[in-house]
Amino acid sequence: MTKNTLLNTAVWVTRLLKIILVIAAIGVTCLFVYAQIDKDTFAEEEIVLKANPGYLGVSTIVSDVWKDDTEDAKYDSKPYTFGKLKTVSLYINYFKIISVAMLLFLILRAFETIMLSVKTLHTFSSRNAKLFRKIGVYIIVVTILISYTVLRFESGSQTISHLSLTPVIYMLLAFVMAEIFKEGENLRAENDLTI
């Protein structure tokens, strides 16, 4: 089955996506470091969280401006700029983005391993069942990480909550595939014993 065009294409697409993820993570890290070194470059850039609910999801955005008695806070026309973003909020969101990228990389790597084992006719193995379970767990963690974002500024905050059923469906599919592969391994082992 080494000449299966669909499997070969899927393996190459998975490898390409992993490369794109690594390049994106490096780009985000470079931008993060540059923003720390030269804060004035992005200081006036306004940050606005936007909802992307999709077909099977719900998003809510809450923007709060804290009232302050100082003269600057009363007349602040742009309370949500990069220069006013709190450092802790910036670091938390950076590590969240890198964690999601790393988990997506692990999902793609596990999926590529499964496809390569199918290509070499080692489809029903306990390793593939474990990899599908790992993919399901990774999807749960990614869903939790991307479902809630908070940006805290000097005089306010922005919060977005996003609940989508699409990752839940992917997670359920991964766990179902794990059970199918586990049962397939049991049937293969029984078949080997009867021969």
N, C-alpha and C. Protein backbone atom coordinates (compact mmCIF):
# COMPACT_ATOMS: atom_id res chain seq x y z
N MET A 1 0.82 -1.19 0.00
CA MET A 1 0.00 0.00 0.00
C MET A 1 0.87 1.26 0.00
N THR A 2 2.13 1.10 -0.31
CA THR A 2 3.04 2.24 -0.30
C THR A 2 2.80 3.19 -1.46
N LYS A 3 2.04 2.79 -2.49
CA LYS A 3 1.79 3.66 -3.63
C LYS A 3 0.41 4.30 -3.58
N ASN A 4 -0.21 4.34 -2.43
CA ASN A 4 -1.51 4.95 -2.27
C ASN A 4 -1.36 6.47 -2.36
N THR A 5 -1.93 7.05 -3.41
CA THR A 5 -1.77 8.48 -3.67
C THR A 5 -2.42 9.33 -2.58
N LEU A 6 -3.59 8.92 -2.12
CA LEU A 6 -4.29 9.70 -1.10
C LEU A 6 -3.50 9.74 0.20
N LEU A 7 -2.96 8.61 0.63
CA LEU A 7 -2.15 8.59 1.86
C LEU A 7 -0.88 9.41 1.70
N ASN A 8 -0.22 9.27 0.55
CA ASN A 8 0.99 10.05 0.31
C ASN A 8 0.71 11.54 0.34
N THR A 9 -0.40 11.94 -0.29
CA THR A 9 -0.78 13.36 -0.29
C THR A 9 -1.08 13.83 1.13
N ALA A 10 -1.80 13.02 1.89
CA ALA A 10 -2.13 13.40 3.27
C ALA A 10 -0.86 13.53 4.13
N VAL A 11 0.10 12.64 3.93
CA VAL A 11 1.35 12.72 4.68
C VAL A 11 2.10 14.00 4.33
N TRP A 12 2.17 14.33 3.05
CA TRP A 12 2.88 15.55 2.64
C TRP A 12 2.17 16.80 3.12
N VAL A 13 0.84 16.81 3.08
CA VAL A 13 0.08 17.96 3.58
C VAL A 13 0.32 18.12 5.09
N THR A 14 0.34 17.02 5.81
CA THR A 14 0.59 17.07 7.25
C THR A 14 1.98 17.63 7.53
N ARG A 15 2.96 17.19 6.78
CA ARG A 15 4.33 17.72 6.95
C ARG A 15 4.40 19.21 6.62
N LEU A 16 3.70 19.62 5.57
CA LEU A 16 3.67 21.04 5.21
C LEU A 16 3.02 21.86 6.31
N LEU A 17 1.92 21.37 6.86
CA LEU A 17 1.24 22.08 7.95
C LEU A 17 2.13 22.19 9.19
N LYS A 18 2.92 21.14 9.47
CA LYS A 18 3.84 21.20 10.61
C LYS A 18 4.90 22.27 10.38
N ILE A 19 5.40 22.36 9.17
CA ILE A 19 6.41 23.39 8.85
C ILE A 19 5.81 24.78 8.99
N ILE A 20 4.58 24.95 8.50
CA ILE A 20 3.90 26.25 8.62
C ILE A 20 3.69 26.62 10.08
N LEU A 21 3.32 25.65 10.91
CA LEU A 21 3.14 25.91 12.34
C LEU A 21 4.44 26.34 13.01
N VAL A 22 5.54 25.66 12.67
CA VAL A 22 6.84 26.02 13.25
C VAL A 22 7.23 27.43 12.82
N ILE A 23 7.04 27.75 11.54
CA ILE A 23 7.39 29.10 11.05
C ILE A 23 6.51 30.15 11.73
N ALA A 24 5.22 29.86 11.89
CA ALA A 24 4.32 30.81 12.55
C ALA A 24 4.71 31.01 14.02
N ALA A 25 5.08 29.93 14.72
CA ALA A 25 5.50 30.05 16.12
C ALA A 25 6.79 30.87 16.23
N ILE A 26 7.72 30.66 15.31
CA ILE A 26 8.95 31.45 15.30
C ILE A 26 8.64 32.91 15.01
N GLY A 27 7.72 33.16 14.06
CA GLY A 27 7.33 34.53 13.74
C GLY A 27 6.68 35.24 14.91
N VAL A 28 5.77 34.54 15.60
CA VAL A 28 5.11 35.13 16.77
C VAL A 28 6.13 35.41 17.87
N THR A 29 7.08 34.50 18.06
CA THR A 29 8.12 34.70 19.07
C THR A 29 9.00 35.89 18.72
N CYS A 30 9.39 36.02 17.46
CA CYS A 30 10.20 37.16 17.04
C CYS A 30 9.45 38.47 17.25
N LEU A 31 8.16 38.47 16.90
CA LEU A 31 7.35 39.67 17.09
C LEU A 31 7.20 39.99 18.57
N PHE A 32 7.04 38.97 19.39
CA PHE A 32 6.92 39.16 20.84
C PHE A 32 8.21 39.76 21.42
N VAL A 33 9.36 39.22 21.01
CA VAL A 33 10.64 39.73 21.50
C VAL A 33 10.86 41.16 21.01
N TYR A 34 10.55 41.41 19.74
CA TYR A 34 10.72 42.76 19.19
C TYR A 34 9.83 43.76 19.93
N ALA A 35 8.60 43.36 20.25
CA ALA A 35 7.69 44.24 20.98
C ALA A 35 8.20 44.53 22.38
N GLN A 36 8.96 43.60 22.97
CA GLN A 36 9.52 43.83 24.30
C GLN A 36 10.72 44.77 24.23
N ILE A 37 11.48 44.65 23.16
CA ILE A 37 12.68 45.49 23.01
C ILE A 37 12.30 46.92 22.64
N ASP A 38 11.40 47.06 21.67
CA ASP A 38 11.02 48.39 21.18
C ASP A 38 9.51 48.58 21.35
N LYS A 39 9.11 48.94 22.53
CA LYS A 39 7.67 49.06 22.84
C LYS A 39 7.01 50.23 22.14
N ASP A 40 7.78 51.25 21.77
CA ASP A 40 7.20 52.43 21.15
C ASP A 40 6.68 52.18 19.73
N THR A 41 7.22 51.18 19.06
CA THR A 41 6.80 50.90 17.68
C THR A 41 5.33 50.55 17.60
N PHE A 42 4.85 49.73 18.52
CA PHE A 42 3.46 49.29 18.49
C PHE A 42 2.59 49.98 19.53
N ALA A 43 3.12 51.00 20.20
CA ALA A 43 2.43 51.61 21.34
C ALA A 43 1.05 52.14 20.99
N GLU A 44 0.86 52.71 19.81
CA GLU A 44 -0.42 53.31 19.44
C GLU A 44 -1.34 52.37 18.66
N GLU A 45 -0.89 51.14 18.44
CA GLU A 45 -1.73 50.16 17.73
C GLU A 45 -2.89 49.74 18.63
N GLU A 46 -4.10 49.90 18.12
CA GLU A 46 -5.28 49.55 18.90
C GLU A 46 -5.55 48.05 18.79
N ILE A 47 -5.91 47.45 19.90
CA ILE A 47 -6.20 46.02 19.97
C ILE A 47 -7.70 45.86 20.18
N VAL A 48 -8.34 45.16 19.25
CA VAL A 48 -9.77 44.93 19.35
C VAL A 48 -10.03 43.44 19.15
N LEU A 49 -10.58 42.79 20.15
CA LEU A 49 -10.93 41.37 20.02
C LEU A 49 -12.19 41.25 19.18
N LYS A 50 -12.19 40.28 18.26
CA LYS A 50 -13.34 40.07 17.39
C LYS A 50 -13.84 38.65 17.54
N ALA A 51 -15.15 38.50 17.45
CA ALA A 51 -15.77 37.19 17.57
C ALA A 51 -15.82 36.51 16.21
N ASN A 52 -15.64 35.19 16.24
CA ASN A 52 -15.75 34.38 15.04
C ASN A 52 -16.56 33.14 15.40
N PRO A 53 -17.88 33.28 15.52
CA PRO A 53 -18.68 32.19 16.06
C PRO A 53 -18.77 30.96 15.17
N GLY A 54 -18.76 31.11 13.85
CA GLY A 54 -18.90 29.96 12.97
C GLY A 54 -20.34 29.43 13.01
N TYR A 55 -20.54 28.26 12.44
CA TYR A 55 -21.88 27.68 12.36
C TYR A 55 -22.29 27.00 13.66
N LEU A 56 -21.35 26.38 14.34
CA LEU A 56 -21.68 25.61 15.53
C LEU A 56 -21.06 26.22 16.78
N GLY A 57 -21.12 27.53 16.91
CA GLY A 57 -20.49 28.14 18.07
C GLY A 57 -21.17 29.42 18.50
N VAL A 58 -20.80 29.86 19.69
CA VAL A 58 -21.33 31.09 20.26
C VAL A 58 -20.14 31.86 20.84
N SER A 59 -20.09 33.16 20.57
CA SER A 59 -19.02 34.00 21.13
C SER A 59 -19.63 35.21 21.82
N THR A 60 -19.00 35.63 22.90
CA THR A 60 -19.39 36.86 23.57
C THR A 60 -18.15 37.69 23.84
N ILE A 61 -18.28 38.99 23.65
CA ILE A 61 -17.17 39.91 23.90
C ILE A 61 -17.63 40.93 24.92
N VAL A 62 -16.79 41.18 25.90
CA VAL A 62 -17.08 42.17 26.92
C VAL A 62 -15.88 43.12 27.00
N SER A 63 -16.15 44.42 26.84
CA SER A 63 -15.11 45.43 26.98
C SER A 63 -15.48 46.32 28.15
N ASP A 64 -14.57 46.45 29.10
CA ASP A 64 -14.81 47.27 30.28
C ASP A 64 -13.76 48.37 30.34
N VAL A 65 -14.22 49.58 30.60
CA VAL A 65 -13.32 50.69 30.87
C VAL A 65 -13.52 51.06 32.32
N TRP A 66 -12.42 50.98 33.07
CA TRP A 66 -12.51 51.29 34.49
C TRP A 66 -12.48 52.79 34.68
N LYS A 67 -13.35 53.25 35.52
CA LYS A 67 -13.42 54.69 35.80
C LYS A 67 -12.30 55.06 36.76
N ASP A 68 -11.65 56.13 36.42
CA ASP A 68 -10.53 56.61 37.22
C ASP A 68 -10.70 58.11 37.39
N ASP A 69 -10.26 58.64 38.48
CA ASP A 69 -10.42 60.07 38.75
C ASP A 69 -9.32 60.91 38.12
N THR A 70 -8.33 60.28 37.55
CA THR A 70 -7.25 61.06 36.96
C THR A 70 -7.73 61.71 35.68
N GLU A 71 -7.11 62.80 35.32
CA GLU A 71 -7.50 63.58 34.14
C GLU A 71 -7.25 62.79 32.85
N ASP A 72 -6.18 61.99 32.80
CA ASP A 72 -5.85 61.23 31.59
C ASP A 72 -6.91 60.16 31.30
N ALA A 73 -7.40 59.49 32.32
CA ALA A 73 -8.35 58.39 32.13
C ALA A 73 -9.72 58.90 31.69
N LYS A 74 -10.09 60.12 32.08
CA LYS A 74 -11.40 60.65 31.71
C LYS A 74 -11.52 60.89 30.21
N TYR A 75 -10.44 61.32 29.59
CA TYR A 75 -10.49 61.71 28.19
C TYR A 75 -9.68 60.77 27.30
N ASP A 76 -9.52 59.54 27.70
CA ASP A 76 -8.74 58.56 26.92
C ASP A 76 -9.61 58.03 25.79
N SER A 77 -9.32 58.46 24.56
CA SER A 77 -10.13 58.02 23.42
C SER A 77 -9.72 56.64 22.93
N LYS A 78 -8.54 56.18 23.27
CA LYS A 78 -8.06 54.85 22.87
C LYS A 78 -7.55 54.10 24.10
N PRO A 79 -8.45 53.50 24.87
CA PRO A 79 -8.00 52.80 26.08
C PRO A 79 -7.38 51.43 25.80
N TYR A 80 -7.58 50.89 24.57
CA TYR A 80 -7.12 49.54 24.25
C TYR A 80 -5.98 49.55 23.23
N THR A 81 -4.89 50.20 23.55
CA THR A 81 -3.73 50.20 22.67
C THR A 81 -2.66 49.27 23.23
N PHE A 82 -1.74 48.88 22.36
CA PHE A 82 -0.68 47.96 22.75
C PHE A 82 0.20 48.56 23.86
N GLY A 83 0.42 49.84 23.80
CA GLY A 83 1.24 50.50 24.82
C GLY A 83 0.62 50.46 26.20
N LYS A 84 -0.71 50.33 26.27
CA LYS A 84 -1.41 50.29 27.55
C LYS A 84 -1.72 48.87 28.01
N LEU A 85 -1.33 47.88 27.21
CA LEU A 85 -1.54 46.48 27.57
C LEU A 85 -0.61 46.11 28.72
N LYS A 86 -1.17 45.47 29.73
CA LYS A 86 -0.35 45.06 30.88
C LYS A 86 0.58 43.94 30.48
N THR A 87 1.79 43.96 31.02
CA THR A 87 2.83 42.99 30.67
C THR A 87 2.41 41.57 30.99
N VAL A 88 1.77 41.36 32.13
CA VAL A 88 1.33 40.02 32.52
C VAL A 88 0.34 39.47 31.49
N SER A 89 -0.58 40.30 31.04
CA SER A 89 -1.56 39.89 30.05
C SER A 89 -0.88 39.52 28.73
N LEU A 90 0.11 40.30 28.34
CA LEU A 90 0.86 40.01 27.11
C LEU A 90 1.57 38.67 27.20
N TYR A 91 2.23 38.41 28.32
CA TYR A 91 2.97 37.15 28.49
C TYR A 91 2.01 35.94 28.53
N ILE A 92 0.91 36.08 29.25
CA ILE A 92 -0.04 34.97 29.35
C ILE A 92 -0.58 34.62 27.96
N ASN A 93 -0.96 35.62 27.18
CA ASN A 93 -1.51 35.36 25.86
C ASN A 93 -0.45 34.84 24.89
N TYR A 94 0.79 35.29 25.03
CA TYR A 94 1.87 34.75 24.19
C TYR A 94 2.07 33.27 24.48
N PHE A 95 2.16 32.90 25.75
CA PHE A 95 2.37 31.49 26.10
C PHE A 95 1.16 30.64 25.72
N LYS A 96 -0.02 31.23 25.75
CA LYS A 96 -1.21 30.51 25.32
C LYS A 96 -1.14 30.21 23.82
N ILE A 97 -0.73 31.18 23.03
CA ILE A 97 -0.60 30.99 21.58
C ILE A 97 0.45 29.94 21.27
N ILE A 98 1.59 30.00 21.94
CA ILE A 98 2.67 29.02 21.71
C ILE A 98 2.22 27.63 22.15
N SER A 99 1.48 27.54 23.24
CA SER A 99 0.97 26.23 23.70
C SER A 99 0.00 25.63 22.69
N VAL A 100 -0.88 26.45 22.14
CA VAL A 100 -1.83 25.96 21.13
C VAL A 100 -1.07 25.49 19.90
N ALA A 101 -0.06 26.26 19.47
CA ALA A 101 0.74 25.86 18.30
C ALA A 101 1.46 24.54 18.56
N MET A 102 2.00 24.38 19.76
CA MET A 102 2.70 23.14 20.09
C MET A 102 1.74 21.95 20.10
N LEU A 103 0.55 22.13 20.66
CA LEU A 103 -0.44 21.05 20.69
C LEU A 103 -0.92 20.70 19.28
N LEU A 104 -1.11 21.70 18.44
CA LEU A 104 -1.49 21.43 17.05
C LEU A 104 -0.39 20.67 16.33
N PHE A 105 0.86 21.02 16.62
CA PHE A 105 2.00 20.29 16.04
C PHE A 105 1.97 18.83 16.48
N LEU A 106 1.71 18.59 17.77
CA LEU A 106 1.64 17.21 18.27
C LEU A 106 0.48 16.43 17.67
N ILE A 107 -0.65 17.11 17.44
CA ILE A 107 -1.78 16.46 16.77
C ILE A 107 -1.40 16.04 15.36
N LEU A 108 -0.76 16.96 14.63
CA LEU A 108 -0.36 16.65 13.27
C LEU A 108 0.68 15.53 13.23
N ARG A 109 1.61 15.55 14.18
CA ARG A 109 2.64 14.50 14.22
C ARG A 109 2.01 13.13 14.51
N ALA A 110 1.06 13.09 15.44
CA ALA A 110 0.39 11.82 15.74
C ALA A 110 -0.41 11.34 14.54
N PHE A 111 -1.08 12.25 13.87
CA PHE A 111 -1.86 11.87 12.69
C PHE A 111 -0.95 11.37 11.57
N GLU A 112 0.19 12.01 11.40
CA GLU A 112 1.16 11.56 10.39
C GLU A 112 1.68 10.17 10.72
N THR A 113 1.96 9.90 11.99
CA THR A 113 2.42 8.57 12.41
C THR A 113 1.37 7.51 12.11
N ILE A 114 0.11 7.83 12.37
CA ILE A 114 -0.97 6.89 12.07
C ILE A 114 -1.04 6.62 10.57
N MET A 115 -0.96 7.67 9.77
CA MET A 115 -1.04 7.48 8.31
C MET A 115 0.14 6.66 7.78
N LEU A 116 1.32 6.88 8.34
CA LEU A 116 2.47 6.10 7.91
C LEU A 116 2.32 4.63 8.29
N SER A 117 1.73 4.35 9.45
CA SER A 117 1.52 2.95 9.83
C SER A 117 0.46 2.29 8.95
N VAL A 118 -0.56 3.05 8.55
CA VAL A 118 -1.57 2.51 7.62
C VAL A 118 -0.92 2.23 6.27
N LYS A 119 -0.03 3.11 5.88
CA LYS A 119 0.66 2.96 4.60
C LYS A 119 1.53 1.70 4.57
N THR A 120 2.09 1.33 5.72
CA THR A 120 2.94 0.13 5.79
C THR A 120 2.18 -1.10 6.29
N LEU A 121 0.84 -1.03 6.24
CA LEU A 121 -0.05 -2.14 6.60
C LEU A 121 0.05 -2.58 8.06
N HIS A 122 0.35 -1.65 8.95
CA HIS A 122 0.33 -1.89 10.40
C HIS A 122 -0.80 -1.05 11.00
N THR A 123 -1.96 -1.14 10.38
CA THR A 123 -3.07 -0.25 10.72
C THR A 123 -3.58 -0.47 12.13
N PHE A 124 -4.00 -1.69 12.43
CA PHE A 124 -4.64 -1.96 13.72
C PHE A 124 -3.59 -2.37 14.74
N SER A 125 -3.09 -1.37 15.44
CA SER A 125 -2.10 -1.63 16.49
C SER A 125 -2.50 -0.82 17.72
N SER A 126 -1.99 -1.23 18.86
CA SER A 126 -2.30 -0.50 20.10
C SER A 126 -1.68 0.90 20.05
N ARG A 127 -0.59 1.02 19.32
CA ARG A 127 0.07 2.33 19.18
C ARG A 127 -0.87 3.33 18.51
N ASN A 128 -1.56 2.91 17.44
CA ASN A 128 -2.48 3.82 16.76
C ASN A 128 -3.67 4.17 17.64
N ALA A 129 -4.16 3.21 18.41
CA ALA A 129 -5.26 3.50 19.34
C ALA A 129 -4.83 4.54 20.38
N LYS A 130 -3.61 4.38 20.90
CA LYS A 130 -3.09 5.34 21.88
C LYS A 130 -2.90 6.72 21.24
N LEU A 131 -2.44 6.74 19.98
CA LEU A 131 -2.25 8.02 19.30
C LEU A 131 -3.59 8.74 19.09
N PHE A 132 -4.63 8.00 18.75
CA PHE A 132 -5.95 8.63 18.60
C PHE A 132 -6.46 9.16 19.94
N ARG A 133 -6.20 8.45 21.03
CA ARG A 133 -6.59 8.96 22.36
C ARG A 133 -5.82 10.24 22.68
N LYS A 134 -4.51 10.25 22.35
CA LYS A 134 -3.72 11.46 22.57
C LYS A 134 -4.27 12.63 21.77
N ILE A 135 -4.64 12.36 20.53
CA ILE A 135 -5.21 13.42 19.69
C ILE A 135 -6.48 13.96 20.35
N GLY A 136 -7.33 13.09 20.88
CA GLY A 136 -8.54 13.53 21.56
C GLY A 136 -8.24 14.40 22.77
N VAL A 137 -7.26 14.01 23.56
CA VAL A 137 -6.87 14.80 24.74
C VAL A 137 -6.29 16.14 24.32
N TYR A 138 -5.44 16.14 23.29
CA TYR A 138 -4.86 17.40 22.79
C TYR A 138 -5.96 18.34 22.31
N ILE A 139 -6.97 17.81 21.65
CA ILE A 139 -8.07 18.65 21.17
C ILE A 139 -8.83 19.25 22.35
N ILE A 140 -9.02 18.48 23.41
CA ILE A 140 -9.68 19.01 24.62
C ILE A 140 -8.89 20.19 25.18
N VAL A 141 -7.58 20.03 25.30
CA VAL A 141 -6.74 21.10 25.87
C VAL A 141 -6.75 22.33 24.96
N VAL A 142 -6.65 22.13 23.64
CA VAL A 142 -6.68 23.26 22.71
C VAL A 142 -8.02 23.99 22.82
N THR A 143 -9.10 23.24 22.92
CA THR A 143 -10.43 23.85 23.03
C THR A 143 -10.54 24.70 24.30
N ILE A 144 -10.00 24.19 25.38
CA ILE A 144 -10.03 24.95 26.64
C ILE A 144 -9.18 26.22 26.51
N LEU A 145 -8.00 26.10 25.90
CA LEU A 145 -7.11 27.26 25.77
C LEU A 145 -7.70 28.36 24.88
N ILE A 146 -8.36 27.97 23.80
CA ILE A 146 -8.85 28.99 22.87
C ILE A 146 -10.26 29.49 23.21
N SER A 147 -10.89 28.91 24.21
CA SER A 147 -12.27 29.28 24.50
C SER A 147 -12.39 30.57 25.32
N TYR A 148 -11.33 31.03 25.93
CA TYR A 148 -11.43 32.20 26.80
C TYR A 148 -10.15 33.04 26.68
N THR A 149 -10.32 34.31 26.37
CA THR A 149 -9.18 35.22 26.25
C THR A 149 -9.48 36.50 27.01
N VAL A 150 -8.51 36.95 27.79
CA VAL A 150 -8.63 38.20 28.53
C VAL A 150 -7.40 39.06 28.23
N LEU A 151 -7.66 40.30 27.85
CA LEU A 151 -6.59 41.29 27.68
C LEU A 151 -6.83 42.40 28.69
N ARG A 152 -5.86 42.61 29.56
CA ARG A 152 -6.00 43.65 30.59
C ARG A 152 -5.12 44.84 30.21
N PHE A 153 -5.74 46.01 30.27
CA PHE A 153 -5.07 47.26 29.93
C PHE A 153 -4.98 48.12 31.19
N GLU A 154 -4.31 49.26 31.07
CA GLU A 154 -4.14 50.13 32.23
C GLU A 154 -5.48 50.64 32.76
N SER A 155 -6.43 50.90 31.86
CA SER A 155 -7.71 51.46 32.33
C SER A 155 -8.91 50.65 31.85
N GLY A 156 -8.72 49.36 31.59
CA GLY A 156 -9.84 48.54 31.16
C GLY A 156 -9.41 47.13 30.80
N SER A 157 -10.36 46.37 30.26
CA SER A 157 -10.05 45.01 29.84
C SER A 157 -11.00 44.60 28.72
N GLN A 158 -10.57 43.62 27.96
CA GLN A 158 -11.41 43.01 26.93
C GLN A 158 -11.42 41.51 27.19
N THR A 159 -12.60 40.92 27.13
CA THR A 159 -12.75 39.49 27.37
C THR A 159 -13.57 38.89 26.24
N ILE A 160 -13.12 37.76 25.73
CA ILE A 160 -13.89 37.05 24.72
C ILE A 160 -14.05 35.60 25.19
N SER A 161 -15.27 35.13 25.14
CA SER A 161 -15.58 33.74 25.46
C SER A 161 -16.13 33.10 24.19
N HIS A 162 -15.62 31.93 23.88
CA HIS A 162 -16.04 31.27 22.65
C HIS A 162 -16.31 29.81 22.95
N LEU A 163 -17.50 29.38 22.62
CA LEU A 163 -17.88 27.98 22.81
C LEU A 163 -18.29 27.43 21.45
N SER A 164 -17.60 26.40 20.99
CA SER A 164 -17.88 25.82 19.69
C SER A 164 -18.04 24.31 19.82
N LEU A 165 -18.95 23.77 19.03
CA LEU A 165 -19.16 22.33 19.04
C LEU A 165 -18.22 21.59 18.09
N THR A 166 -17.61 22.29 17.16
CA THR A 166 -16.73 21.65 16.18
C THR A 166 -15.58 20.89 16.84
N PRO A 167 -14.82 21.49 17.77
CA PRO A 167 -13.75 20.71 18.42
C PRO A 167 -14.28 19.52 19.21
N VAL A 168 -15.47 19.66 19.77
CA VAL A 168 -16.07 18.55 20.53
C VAL A 168 -16.35 17.38 19.59
N ILE A 169 -16.82 17.69 18.39
CA ILE A 169 -17.07 16.64 17.40
C ILE A 169 -15.76 15.97 17.00
N TYR A 170 -14.70 16.77 16.78
CA TYR A 170 -13.38 16.20 16.44
C TYR A 170 -12.86 15.31 17.57
N MET A 171 -13.04 15.78 18.81
CA MET A 171 -12.58 14.99 19.95
C MET A 171 -13.32 13.66 20.03
N LEU A 172 -14.63 13.69 19.86
CA LEU A 172 -15.42 12.46 19.89
C LEU A 172 -15.00 11.52 18.77
N LEU A 173 -14.75 12.06 17.59
CA LEU A 173 -14.28 11.23 16.48
C LEU A 173 -12.94 10.58 16.80
N ALA A 174 -12.05 11.33 17.43
CA ALA A 174 -10.73 10.78 17.79
C ALA A 174 -10.89 9.63 18.78
N PHE A 175 -11.75 9.79 19.79
CA PHE A 175 -11.94 8.73 20.78
C PHE A 175 -12.65 7.51 20.17
N VAL A 176 -13.59 7.76 19.24
CA VAL A 176 -14.25 6.65 18.56
C VAL A 176 -13.24 5.89 17.69
N MET A 177 -12.39 6.63 16.98
CA MET A 177 -11.36 5.98 16.16
C MET A 177 -10.40 5.17 17.03
N ALA A 178 -10.09 5.67 18.22
CA ALA A 178 -9.21 4.92 19.13
C ALA A 178 -9.84 3.58 19.49
N GLU A 179 -11.15 3.60 19.78
CA GLU A 179 -11.83 2.34 20.12
C GLU A 179 -11.93 1.41 18.92
N ILE A 180 -12.14 1.96 17.73
CA ILE A 180 -12.20 1.13 16.52
C ILE A 180 -10.85 0.46 16.28
N PHE A 181 -9.77 1.23 16.43
CA PHE A 181 -8.44 0.67 16.20
C PHE A 181 -8.09 -0.36 17.28
N LYS A 182 -8.54 -0.11 18.52
CA LYS A 182 -8.30 -1.07 19.60
C LYS A 182 -9.04 -2.38 19.32
N GLU A 183 -10.29 -2.27 18.89
CA GLU A 183 -11.07 -3.47 18.57
C GLU A 183 -10.49 -4.19 17.35
N GLY A 184 -10.00 -3.42 16.39
CA GLY A 184 -9.35 -4.02 15.23
C GLY A 184 -8.10 -4.79 15.61
N GLU A 185 -7.35 -4.26 16.57
CA GLU A 185 -6.16 -4.98 17.04
C GLU A 185 -6.56 -6.29 17.74
N ASN A 186 -7.63 -6.24 18.54
CA ASN A 186 -8.10 -7.46 19.21
C ASN A 186 -8.54 -8.51 18.20
N LEU A 187 -9.26 -8.10 17.17
CA LEU A 187 -9.69 -9.03 16.13
C LEU A 187 -8.50 -9.61 15.37
N ARG A 188 -7.50 -8.77 15.10
CA ARG A 188 -6.30 -9.24 14.41
C ARG A 188 -5.56 -10.26 15.26
N ALA A 189 -5.48 -10.00 16.58
CA ALA A 189 -4.79 -10.93 17.49
C ALA A 189 -5.54 -12.26 17.56
N GLU A 190 -6.87 -12.22 17.61
CA GLU A 190 -7.67 -13.45 17.62
C GLU A 190 -7.50 -14.22 16.31
N ASN A 191 -7.44 -13.50 15.22
CA ASN A 191 -7.26 -14.13 13.91
C ASN A 191 -5.90 -14.79 13.82
N ASP A 192 -4.87 -14.15 14.39
CA ASP A 192 -3.52 -14.75 14.37
C ASP A 192 -3.47 -16.02 15.21
N LEU A 193 -4.24 -16.06 16.29
CA LEU A 193 -4.24 -17.25 17.16
C LEU A 193 -4.97 -18.42 16.50
N THR A 194 -5.99 -18.14 15.69
CA THR A 194 -6.73 -19.25 15.06
C THR A 194 -6.00 -19.86 13.88
N ILE A 195 -5.04 -19.17 13.35
CA ILE A 195 -4.31 -19.70 12.18
C ILE A 195 -3.26 -20.65 12.55
